[in-house]
Amino acid sequence: MAAITLYGISNCDTVKRARAWLGEQGVDFHFHDFKKAGVPEPSLDRWLKAAGWERLLNRKGTTWRKLPEAQREAVHDAATARALMVDQPSLIKRPVVAWADGATTVGFDAADWAARLKD
């Protein structure tokens, strides 16, 4: 199994770009699709600890905007954000990458990723 795991949704444009970029770099990685395989809750807990719930929760996407206002307003800490992300994985900002060194990143940044791969 690959030492790098990229988590996301296969039809997400950012995830598509990230997967293509890794492929172009010749990087072996495992892709975990939230829609097909669900959100691994132990991993979600690590991401929340590493990145924080404010960074991990995608408030710019369609899924967030479609939520009832009361449900959006009820998200005020890591526990409430976590419950919503488990219920609706599309609310997790993508991609989330678990790197070989144990680090976790959220979002796609080619320059940062290239630096990580050199180390």
Protein backbone atom coordinates (compact mmCIF):
# COMPACT_ATOMS: atom_id res chain seq x y z
CA MET A 1 0.00 0.00 0.00
CA ALA A 2 1.16 3.52 -0.79
CA ALA A 3 2.59 5.63 2.00
CA ILE A 4 0.53 8.63 0.87
CA THR A 5 -3.26 8.62 1.05
CA LEU A 6 -5.31 11.26 -0.69
CA TYR A 7 -8.87 11.60 0.61
CA GLY A 8 -11.63 13.30 -1.31
CA ILE A 9 -14.44 12.90 -3.80
CA SER A 10 -13.65 11.65 -7.29
CA ASN A 11 -15.75 14.25 -9.12
CA CYS A 12 -14.25 17.23 -7.23
CA ASP A 13 -12.19 19.40 -9.60
CA THR A 14 -9.52 20.13 -6.98
CA VAL A 15 -9.17 16.43 -6.21
CA LYS A 16 -8.89 15.69 -9.93
CA ARG A 17 -6.08 18.27 -10.25
CA ALA A 18 -4.32 16.91 -7.17
CA ARG A 19 -4.50 13.30 -8.38
CA ALA A 20 -3.25 14.31 -11.83
CA TRP A 21 -0.38 16.29 -10.30
CA LEU A 22 0.71 13.36 -8.12
CA GLY A 23 0.54 11.09 -11.15
CA GLU A 24 2.67 13.50 -13.19
CA GLN A 25 5.27 13.46 -10.41
CA GLY A 26 5.30 9.66 -10.48
CA VAL A 27 4.10 9.50 -6.87
CA ASP A 28 2.50 6.28 -5.69
CA PHE A 29 -0.56 7.08 -3.59
CA HIS A 30 -3.81 5.55 -2.44
CA PHE A 31 -7.08 7.40 -3.17
CA HIS A 32 -9.91 7.14 -0.65
CA ASP A 33 -13.26 8.35 -2.01
CA PHE A 34 -15.56 9.68 0.73
CA LYS A 35 -18.66 9.07 -1.38
CA LYS A 36 -17.87 5.41 -2.00
CA ALA A 37 -15.98 4.35 1.10
CA GLY A 38 -17.24 6.81 3.71
CA VAL A 39 -15.26 8.97 6.08
CA PRO A 40 -12.89 6.99 8.30
CA GLU A 41 -13.74 8.50 11.67
CA PRO A 42 -10.34 7.86 13.32
CA SER A 43 -8.76 9.68 10.37
CA LEU A 44 -11.27 12.52 10.67
CA ASP A 45 -10.28 12.91 14.32
CA ARG A 46 -6.58 13.16 13.31
CA TRP A 47 -7.41 15.74 10.63
CA LEU A 48 -9.41 17.83 13.09
CA LYS A 49 -6.49 17.76 15.52
CA ALA A 50 -3.90 18.55 12.84
CA ALA A 51 -5.75 21.17 10.80
CA GLY A 52 -8.54 22.40 13.06
CA TRP A 53 -12.24 22.24 12.35
CA GLU A 54 -12.39 25.75 10.86
CA ARG A 55 -9.87 24.77 8.14
CA LEU A 56 -11.37 21.35 7.51
CA LEU A 57 -15.00 22.46 7.19
CA ASN A 58 -15.74 23.63 3.64
CA ARG A 59 -18.02 26.62 4.04
CA LYS A 60 -17.62 27.74 0.42
CA GLY A 61 -19.18 24.74 -1.29
CA THR A 62 -22.65 23.99 -2.50
CA THR A 63 -23.31 21.47 0.27
CA TRP A 64 -22.76 24.12 2.96
CA ARG A 65 -24.90 26.69 1.16
CA LYS A 66 -27.75 24.19 0.82
CA LEU A 67 -27.86 23.47 4.55
CA PRO A 68 -30.68 25.09 6.49
CA GLU A 69 -29.50 28.24 8.23
CA ALA A 70 -30.21 26.76 11.65
CA GLN A 71 -27.94 23.81 10.89
CA ARG A 72 -25.12 26.10 9.71
CA GLU A 73 -25.47 28.27 12.81
CA ALA A 74 -25.34 25.18 15.05
CA VAL A 75 -21.73 24.54 14.00
CA HIS A 76 -19.64 26.31 16.62
CA ASP A 77 -16.88 23.90 17.66
CA ALA A 78 -14.99 20.77 16.65
CA ALA A 79 -17.66 18.38 17.95
CA THR A 80 -20.54 19.97 16.04
CA ALA A 81 -18.43 20.31 12.88
CA ARG A 82 -17.30 16.68 13.17
CA ALA A 83 -20.86 15.38 13.46
CA LEU A 84 -21.88 17.31 10.35
CA MET A 85 -18.81 16.13 8.38
CA VAL A 86 -19.52 12.49 9.25
CA ASP A 87 -23.12 12.92 8.13
CA GLN A 88 -22.22 14.89 4.98
CA PRO A 89 -18.67 14.13 3.78
CA SER A 90 -18.95 16.75 1.02
CA LEU A 91 -18.49 19.32 3.79
CA ILE A 92 -14.86 18.26 4.23
CA LYS A 93 -12.47 20.55 2.38
CA ARG A 94 -10.61 18.57 -0.24
CA PRO A 95 -8.26 16.99 -0.74
CA VAL A 96 -7.01 15.85 2.62
CA VAL A 97 -3.62 14.17 2.35
CA ALA A 98 -2.00 11.88 4.88
CA TRP A 99 1.70 12.10 4.03
CA ALA A 100 4.29 9.39 4.57
CA ASP A 101 5.89 11.39 7.40
CA GLY A 102 2.60 11.48 9.32
CA ALA A 103 1.73 15.07 8.39
CA THR A 104 -1.75 16.03 7.23
CA THR A 105 -2.57 18.76 4.74
CA VAL A 106 -5.90 20.15 3.56
CA GLY A 107 -6.31 21.54 0.06
CA PHE A 108 -4.05 21.35 -2.98
CA ASP A 109 -0.86 23.42 -3.10
CA ALA A 110 1.57 22.18 -5.77
CA ALA A 111 4.53 24.14 -4.38
CA ASP A 112 4.01 22.83 -0.85
CA TRP A 113 3.51 19.29 -2.12
CA ALA A 114 6.66 19.45 -4.25
CA ALA A 115 8.66 20.56 -1.20
CA ARG A 116 7.20 17.70 0.84
CA LEU A 117 8.17 15.18 -1.80
CA LYS A 118 11.79 16.42 -1.84
CA ASP A 119 12.21 15.83 1.89
